[in-house]
Amino acid sequence: MEKTIEILIYVHIFFGGIGLAAGIGSVIAKKGSTLHKNMGKFFSVGMIASSLLSLPISRMPNHENLFLFLIGLFTIYMVLSGNRALKYRTKTKAEMIDRIISGSMFVFSFLMVALGSYHLGTDLYQGILYLLFGGFGLFFTIIDFRFYGNPGKTRSAYLVSHIRKMVGAFIASVTAFLVAGLGLVHLLFWILPSVIGTVYIVFWRRKVQGKTVAGRA
């Protein structure tokens, strides 16, 4: 059993590495270019495959880790909904599959917040992590349902949603590399990528929305 788990971990790391490298390429490449789109596809495949593998690994004997299981679900949600956001460039009505994806993540995020509140009294480190990522999950899913209420409200809404989700998934890959890959388990390395990523998301959201306003003028 342990040998099987070891193989799964190596495959998980392999796909995670592909996702991280492609994510860096996607961030550097010019937005909307062929390179950016191709890097985005490799990033999506790498992150989905790596996260799917993390689900059974985190539930196997001697490797049980509920937090990593939930983070795997969080990453899958970010990549799936981030890619599906591009479909709303032309769609004006939300599809049921998107509501299901976001609704499921809302439930898991609520669970993370509840676990975080519980762990604050017994394990502050674990409690903060649950609250941080659970809070992000609730924030993203609430915005999702506001978006689904009127997908065509602004010309840039779909693009802002895409950027927010894909950068969020990239944050997860960077965090995994720092914490699991390099062994930097200090709370700082869990939080810092999220802080930097949030600043990056705000920058691009303003830039995209600014172009939309200018384009209408």
C-alpha atoms as a PDB file:
ATOM      1  CA  MET A   1       0.000   0.000   0.000  1.00  0.00           C
ATOM      2  CA  GLU A   2       2.755   2.460   0.946  1.00  0.00           C
ATOM      3  CA  LYS A   3       4.523   1.838  -2.372  1.00  0.00           C
ATOM      4  CA  THR A   4       1.321   2.638  -4.259  1.00  0.00           C
ATOM      5  CA  ILE A   5       0.887   5.823  -2.249  1.00  0.00           C
ATOM      6  CA  GLU A   6       4.497   6.807  -2.989  1.00  0.00           C
ATOM      7  CA  ILE A   7       3.908   6.374  -6.738  1.00  0.00           C
ATOM      8  CA  LEU A   8       0.732   8.435  -6.566  1.00  0.00           C
ATOM      9  CA  ILE A   9       2.597  11.181  -4.712  1.00  0.00           C
ATOM     10  CA  TYR A  10       5.314  11.299  -7.389  1.00  0.00           C
ATOM     11  CA  VAL A  11       2.711  11.505 -10.157  1.00  0.00           C
ATOM     12  CA  HIS A  12       0.901  14.187  -8.160  1.00  0.00           C
ATOM     13  CA  ILE A  13       4.153  16.169  -7.877  1.00  0.00           C
ATOM     14  CA  PHE A  14       4.856  15.698 -11.603  1.00  0.00           C
ATOM     15  CA  PHE A  15       1.531  17.172 -12.679  1.00  0.00           C
ATOM     16  CA  GLY A  16       1.800  19.873 -10.030  1.00  0.00           C
ATOM     17  CA  GLY A  17       5.181  20.845 -11.475  1.00  0.00           C
ATOM     18  CA  ILE A  18       3.676  21.070 -14.957  1.00  0.00           C
ATOM     19  CA  GLY A  19       0.897  23.251 -13.590  1.00  0.00           C
ATOM     20  CA  LEU A  20       3.295  25.551 -11.733  1.00  0.00           C
ATOM     21  CA  ALA A  21       5.650  25.975 -14.726  1.00  0.00           C
ATOM     22  CA  ALA A  22       2.761  26.571 -17.137  1.00  0.00           C
ATOM     23  CA  GLY A  23       1.177  28.982 -14.666  1.00  0.00           C
ATOM     24  CA  ILE A  24       4.341  31.057 -14.551  1.00  0.00           C
ATOM     25  CA  GLY A  25       4.430  31.040 -18.362  1.00  0.00           C
ATOM     26  CA  SER A  26       0.806  32.108 -18.533  1.00  0.00           C
ATOM     27  CA  VAL A  27       1.383  35.000 -16.116  1.00  0.00           C
ATOM     28  CA  ILE A  28       4.434  36.219 -18.060  1.00  0.00           C
ATOM     29  CA  ALA A  29       2.909  35.810 -21.547  1.00  0.00           C
ATOM     30  CA  LYS A  30       0.878  38.586 -23.105  1.00  0.00           C
ATOM     31  CA  LYS A  31      -2.755  38.184 -22.083  1.00  0.00           C
ATOM     32  CA  GLY A  32      -4.879  36.864 -24.924  1.00  0.00           C
ATOM     33  CA  SER A  33      -1.889  35.695 -26.977  1.00  0.00           C
ATOM     34  CA  THR A  34      -1.582  32.157 -28.348  1.00  0.00           C
ATOM     35  CA  LEU A  35       1.229  31.454 -25.873  1.00  0.00           C
ATOM     36  CA  HIS A  36      -0.929  32.612 -22.982  1.00  0.00           C
ATOM     37  CA  LYS A  37      -3.806  30.383 -24.080  1.00  0.00           C
ATOM     38  CA  ASN A  38      -1.574  27.338 -24.580  1.00  0.00           C
ATOM     39  CA  MET A  39       0.137  27.842 -21.234  1.00  0.00           C
ATOM     40  CA  GLY A  40      -3.298  28.181 -19.690  1.00  0.00           C
ATOM     41  CA  LYS A  41      -4.335  24.801 -21.104  1.00  0.00           C
ATOM     42  CA  PHE A  42      -1.222  23.085 -19.725  1.00  0.00           C
ATOM     43  CA  PHE A  43      -1.781  24.827 -16.397  1.00  0.00           C
ATOM     44  CA  SER A  44      -5.382  23.617 -16.232  1.00  0.00           C
ATOM     45  CA  VAL A  45      -4.504  20.015 -17.076  1.00  0.00           C
ATOM     46  CA  GLY A  46      -1.603  19.966 -14.626  1.00  0.00           C
ATOM     47  CA  MET A  47      -3.570  21.455 -11.749  1.00  0.00           C
ATOM     48  CA  ILE A  48      -6.684  19.340 -12.281  1.00  0.00           C
ATOM     49  CA  ALA A  49      -4.655  16.111 -12.510  1.00  0.00           C
ATOM     50  CA  SER A  50      -2.508  17.006  -9.491  1.00  0.00           C
ATOM     51  CA  SER A  51      -5.513  18.035  -7.396  1.00  0.00           C
ATOM     52  CA  LEU A  52      -7.534  14.943  -8.321  1.00  0.00           C
ATOM     53  CA  LEU A  53      -4.638  12.760  -7.186  1.00  0.00           C
ATOM     54  CA  SER A  54      -4.346  14.696  -3.933  1.00  0.00           C
ATOM     55  CA  LEU A  55      -7.890  13.675  -2.959  1.00  0.00           C
ATOM     56  CA  PRO A  56      -7.273   9.909  -2.513  1.00  0.00           C
ATOM     57  CA  ILE A  57      -3.721  10.488  -1.234  1.00  0.00           C
ATOM     58  CA  SER A  58      -4.954  12.735   1.580  1.00  0.00           C
ATOM     59  CA  ARG A  59      -7.382  10.035   2.738  1.00  0.00           C
ATOM     60  CA  MET A  60      -4.970   7.071   2.679  1.00  0.00           C
ATOM     61  CA  PRO A  61      -3.535   5.423   5.831  1.00  0.00           C
ATOM     62  CA  ASN A  62      -0.742   7.456   7.463  1.00  0.00           C
ATOM     63  CA  HIS A  63      -1.419  10.299   5.012  1.00  0.00           C
ATOM     64  CA  GLU A  64      -4.823  11.471   6.233  1.00  0.00           C
ATOM     65  CA  ASN A  65      -5.109  15.232   5.910  1.00  0.00           C
ATOM     66  CA  LEU A  66      -8.580  16.760   5.681  1.00  0.00           C
ATOM     67  CA  PHE A  67      -7.180  20.223   5.023  1.00  0.00           C
ATOM     68  CA  LEU A  68      -5.214  19.112   1.950  1.00  0.00           C
ATOM     69  CA  PHE A  69      -8.299  17.221   0.738  1.00  0.00           C
ATOM     70  CA  LEU A  70     -10.375  20.398   0.910  1.00  0.00           C
ATOM     71  CA  ILE A  71      -7.612  22.468  -0.718  1.00  0.00           C
ATOM     72  CA  GLY A  72      -7.608  19.941  -3.571  1.00  0.00           C
ATOM     73  CA  LEU A  73     -11.347  20.526  -4.043  1.00  0.00           C
ATOM     74  CA  PHE A  74     -10.776  24.290  -3.809  1.00  0.00           C
ATOM     75  CA  THR A  75      -8.158  24.163  -6.594  1.00  0.00           C
ATOM     76  CA  ILE A  76     -10.351  22.012  -8.849  1.00  0.00           C
ATOM     77  CA  TYR A  77     -13.199  24.478  -8.366  1.00  0.00           C
ATOM     78  CA  MET A  78     -10.970  27.438  -9.230  1.00  0.00           C
ATOM     79  CA  VAL A  79      -9.656  25.875 -12.446  1.00  0.00           C
ATOM     80  CA  LEU A  80     -13.021  24.542 -13.631  1.00  0.00           C
ATOM     81  CA  SER A  81     -14.978  27.729 -12.965  1.00  0.00           C
ATOM     82  CA  GLY A  82     -12.107  29.908 -14.204  1.00  0.00           C
ATOM     83  CA  ASN A  83     -12.135  28.191 -17.583  1.00  0.00           C
ATOM     84  CA  ARG A  84     -15.910  28.061 -17.782  1.00  0.00           C
ATOM     85  CA  ALA A  85     -16.072  31.823 -17.130  1.00  0.00           C
ATOM     86  CA  LEU A  86     -14.789  32.373 -20.680  1.00  0.00           C
ATOM     87  CA  LYS A  87     -17.999  30.819 -22.036  1.00  0.00           C
ATOM     88  CA  TYR A  88     -19.873  33.843 -20.738  1.00  0.00           C
ATOM     89  CA  ARG A  89     -18.240  36.051 -23.310  1.00  0.00           C
ATOM     90  CA  THR A  90     -21.277  35.251 -25.435  1.00  0.00           C
ATOM     91  CA  LYS A  91     -23.723  33.605 -23.001  1.00  0.00           C
ATOM     92  CA  THR A  92     -26.208  35.784 -21.158  1.00  0.00           C
ATOM     93  CA  LYS A  93     -27.758  33.083 -18.964  1.00  0.00           C
ATOM     94  CA  ALA A  94     -26.016  31.013 -16.296  1.00  0.00           C
ATOM     95  CA  GLU A  95     -25.882  27.244 -16.804  1.00  0.00           C
ATOM     96  CA  MET A  96     -26.931  24.797 -14.102  1.00  0.00           C
ATOM     97  CA  ILE A  97     -23.509  23.056 -14.094  1.00  0.00           C
ATOM     98  CA  ASP A  98     -21.868  26.327 -13.032  1.00  0.00           C
ATOM     99  CA  ARG A  99     -24.352  26.787 -10.212  1.00  0.00           C
ATOM    100  CA  ILE A 100     -23.644  23.220  -9.053  1.00  0.00           C
ATOM    101  CA  ILE A 101     -19.866  23.776  -9.113  1.00  0.00           C
ATOM    102  CA  SER A 102     -20.117  27.013  -7.158  1.00  0.00           C
ATOM    103  CA  GLY A 103     -22.788  25.663  -4.799  1.00  0.00           C
ATOM    104  CA  SER A 104     -20.649  22.641  -3.942  1.00  0.00           C
ATOM    105  CA  MET A 105     -17.661  24.862  -3.242  1.00  0.00           C
ATOM    106  CA  PHE A 106     -19.823  27.106  -1.066  1.00  0.00           C
ATOM    107  CA  VAL A 107     -20.720  24.097   1.118  1.00  0.00           C
ATOM    108  CA  PHE A 108     -17.072  22.968   1.365  1.00  0.00           C
ATOM    109  CA  SER A 109     -15.970  26.525   2.165  1.00  0.00           C
ATOM    110  CA  PHE A 110     -18.573  26.821   4.908  1.00  0.00           C
ATOM    111  CA  LEU A 111     -17.224  23.551   6.324  1.00  0.00           C
ATOM    112  CA  MET A 112     -13.684  24.962   6.284  1.00  0.00           C
ATOM    113  CA  VAL A 113     -14.786  28.090   8.134  1.00  0.00           C
ATOM    114  CA  ALA A 114     -16.584  25.961  10.730  1.00  0.00           C
ATOM    115  CA  LEU A 115     -13.508  23.766  11.187  1.00  0.00           C
ATOM    116  CA  GLY A 116     -11.330  26.866  11.403  1.00  0.00           C
ATOM    117  CA  SER A 117     -13.487  28.333  14.156  1.00  0.00           C
ATOM    118  CA  TYR A 118     -13.293  25.039  16.047  1.00  0.00           C
ATOM    119  CA  HIS A 119      -9.510  24.681  15.674  1.00  0.00           C
ATOM    120  CA  LEU A 120      -8.798  28.227  16.877  1.00  0.00           C
ATOM    121  CA  GLY A 121      -9.216  26.931  20.406  1.00  0.00           C
ATOM    122  CA  THR A 122      -7.005  23.861  19.947  1.00  0.00           C
ATOM    123  CA  ASP A 123      -4.621  24.556  17.073  1.00  0.00           C
ATOM    124  CA  LEU A 124      -4.285  28.238  16.118  1.00  0.00           C
ATOM    125  CA  TYR A 125      -2.108  27.504  13.051  1.00  0.00           C
ATOM    126  CA  GLN A 126      -4.603  25.034  11.580  1.00  0.00           C
ATOM    127  CA  GLY A 127      -7.523  27.236  12.522  1.00  0.00           C
ATOM    128  CA  ILE A 128      -6.131  30.255  10.666  1.00  0.00           C
ATOM    129  CA  LEU A 129      -5.507  28.184   7.525  1.00  0.00           C
ATOM    130  CA  TYR A 130      -9.040  26.789   7.500  1.00  0.00           C
ATOM    131  CA  LEU A 131     -10.493  30.259   8.031  1.00  0.00           C
ATOM    132  CA  LEU A 132      -8.269  31.826   5.371  1.00  0.00           C
ATOM    133  CA  PHE A 133      -9.031  29.392   2.561  1.00  0.00           C
ATOM    134  CA  GLY A 134     -12.631  28.860   3.667  1.00  0.00           C
ATOM    135  CA  GLY A 135     -13.107  32.617   3.638  1.00  0.00           C
ATOM    136  CA  PHE A 136     -11.654  32.856   0.142  1.00  0.00           C
ATOM    137  CA  GLY A 137     -13.985  30.077  -0.989  1.00  0.00           C
ATOM    138  CA  LEU A 138     -17.056  31.820   0.420  1.00  0.00           C
ATOM    139  CA  PHE A 139     -15.973  35.122  -1.122  1.00  0.00           C
ATOM    140  CA  PHE A 140     -15.474  33.608  -4.587  1.00  0.00           C
ATOM    141  CA  THR A 141     -18.701  31.612  -4.574  1.00  0.00           C
ATOM    142  CA  ILE A 142     -20.843  34.525  -3.377  1.00  0.00           C
ATOM    143  CA  ILE A 143     -19.414  36.609  -6.232  1.00  0.00           C
ATOM    144  CA  ASP A 144     -20.175  33.682  -8.559  1.00  0.00           C
ATOM    145  CA  PHE A 145     -23.874  33.713  -7.724  1.00  0.00           C
ATOM    146  CA  ARG A 146     -24.032  37.474  -8.098  1.00  0.00           C
ATOM    147  CA  PHE A 147     -22.463  37.007 -11.535  1.00  0.00           C
ATOM    148  CA  TYR A 148     -24.886  34.202 -12.473  1.00  0.00           C
ATOM    149  CA  GLY A 149     -27.779  36.517 -11.672  1.00  0.00           C
ATOM    150  CA  ASN A 150     -26.797  38.731 -14.592  1.00  0.00           C
ATOM    151  CA  PRO A 151     -23.776  37.388 -16.576  1.00  0.00           C
ATOM    152  CA  GLY A 152     -24.040  40.110 -19.205  1.00  0.00           C
ATOM    153  CA  LYS A 153     -24.244  43.047 -16.800  1.00  0.00           C
ATOM    154  CA  THR A 154     -20.847  44.360 -17.944  1.00  0.00           C
ATOM    155  CA  ARG A 155     -18.692  43.465 -20.933  1.00  0.00           C
ATOM    156  CA  SER A 156     -15.735  42.633 -18.702  1.00  0.00           C
ATOM    157  CA  ALA A 157     -17.537  40.511 -16.060  1.00  0.00           C
ATOM    158  CA  TYR A 158     -16.622  37.164 -17.622  1.00  0.00           C
ATOM    159  CA  LEU A 159     -12.974  38.172 -18.024  1.00  0.00           C
ATOM    160  CA  VAL A 160     -12.671  39.465 -14.473  1.00  0.00           C
ATOM    161  CA  SER A 161     -14.141  36.159 -13.231  1.00  0.00           C
ATOM    162  CA  HIS A 162     -11.665  34.192 -15.369  1.00  0.00           C
ATOM    163  CA  ILE A 163      -8.668  36.171 -14.104  1.00  0.00           C
ATOM    164  CA  ARG A 164      -9.787  35.949 -10.476  1.00  0.00           C
ATOM    165  CA  LYS A 165     -10.208  32.159 -10.581  1.00  0.00           C
ATOM    166  CA  MET A 166      -7.098  31.282 -12.592  1.00  0.00           C
ATOM    167  CA  VAL A 167      -4.864  33.500 -10.465  1.00  0.00           C
ATOM    168  CA  GLY A 168      -6.441  31.913  -7.405  1.00  0.00           C
ATOM    169  CA  ALA A 169      -5.549  28.451  -8.724  1.00  0.00           C
ATOM    170  CA  PHE A 170      -2.013  29.665  -9.468  1.00  0.00           C
ATOM    171  CA  ILE A 171      -1.743  30.947  -5.885  1.00  0.00           C
ATOM    172  CA  ALA A 172      -2.632  27.446  -4.717  1.00  0.00           C
ATOM    173  CA  SER A 173       0.124  25.920  -6.885  1.00  0.00           C
ATOM    174  CA  VAL A 174       2.739  28.384  -5.614  1.00  0.00           C
ATOM    175  CA  THR A 175       1.671  27.786  -2.015  1.00  0.00           C
ATOM    176  CA  ALA A 176       1.915  24.008  -2.503  1.00  0.00           C
ATOM    177  CA  PHE A 177       5.415  24.404  -3.966  1.00  0.00           C
ATOM    178  CA  LEU A 178       6.628  26.552  -1.064  1.00  0.00           C
ATOM    179  CA  VAL A 179       5.051  24.489   1.706  1.00  0.00           C
ATOM    180  CA  ALA A 180       5.175  20.916   0.371  1.00  0.00           C
ATOM    181  CA  GLY A 181       7.989  21.210  -2.157  1.00  0.00           C
ATOM    182  CA  LEU A 182      10.449  23.370  -0.238  1.00  0.00           C
ATOM    183  CA  GLY A 183       9.219  22.479   3.248  1.00  0.00           C
ATOM    184  CA  LEU A 184       8.578  26.102   4.225  1.00  0.00           C
ATOM    185  CA  VAL A 185       5.748  25.314   6.607  1.00  0.00           C
ATOM    186  CA  HIS A 186       5.692  28.669   8.418  1.00  0.00           C
ATOM    187  CA  LEU A 187       2.305  30.397   8.358  1.00  0.00           C
ATOM    188  CA  LEU A 188       3.879  33.251   6.382  1.00  0.00           C
ATOM    189  CA  PHE A 189       4.392  31.037   3.326  1.00  0.00           C
ATOM    190  CA  TRP A 190       0.758  29.937   3.442  1.00  0.00           C
ATOM    191  CA  ILE A 191      -0.480  33.528   3.516  1.00  0.00           C
ATOM    192  CA  LEU A 192       2.066  35.543   1.467  1.00  0.00           C
ATOM    193  CA  PRO A 193       1.166  34.054  -1.977  1.00  0.00           C
ATOM    194  CA  SER A 194      -2.504  34.859  -1.300  1.00  0.00           C
ATOM    195  CA  VAL A 195      -1.672  38.460  -0.401  1.00  0.00           C
ATOM    196  CA  ILE A 196       0.490  38.980  -3.510  1.00  0.00           C
ATOM    197  CA  GLY A 197      -2.064  37.179  -5.685  1.00  0.00           C
ATOM    198  CA  THR A 198      -4.888  39.368  -4.376  1.00  0.00           C
ATOM    199  CA  VAL A 199      -2.951  42.517  -5.274  1.00  0.00           C
ATOM    200  CA  TYR A 200      -2.346  41.078  -8.771  1.00  0.00           C
ATOM    201  CA  ILE A 201      -6.054  40.268  -9.191  1.00  0.00           C
ATOM    202  CA  VAL A 202      -7.078  43.799  -8.143  1.00  0.00           C
ATOM    203  CA  PHE A 203      -4.555  45.283 -10.589  1.00  0.00           C
ATOM    204  CA  TRP A 204      -5.882  43.284 -13.549  1.00  0.00           C
ATOM    205  CA  ARG A 205      -9.514  43.789 -12.603  1.00  0.00           C
ATOM    206  CA  ARG A 206      -9.042  47.561 -12.667  1.00  0.00           C
ATOM    207  CA  LYS A 207      -7.076  47.364 -15.896  1.00  0.00           C
ATOM    208  CA  VAL A 208      -9.706  45.228 -17.644  1.00  0.00           C
ATOM    209  CA  GLN A 209     -12.607  47.313 -16.403  1.00  0.00           C
ATOM    210  CA  GLY A 210     -10.771  50.490 -17.378  1.00  0.00           C
ATOM    211  CA  LYS A 211     -10.341  49.240 -20.934  1.00  0.00           C
ATOM    212  CA  THR A 212     -14.026  48.355 -21.083  1.00  0.00           C
ATOM    213  CA  VAL A 213     -15.050  51.867 -20.056  1.00  0.00           C
ATOM    214  CA  ALA A 214     -12.617  53.368 -22.547  1.00  0.00           C
ATOM    215  CA  GLY A 215     -13.895  51.048 -25.267  1.00  0.00           C
ATOM    216  CA  ARG A 216     -17.495  52.135 -24.692  1.00  0.00           C
ATOM    217  CA  ALA A 217     -16.528  55.770 -24.745  1.00  0.00           C
END
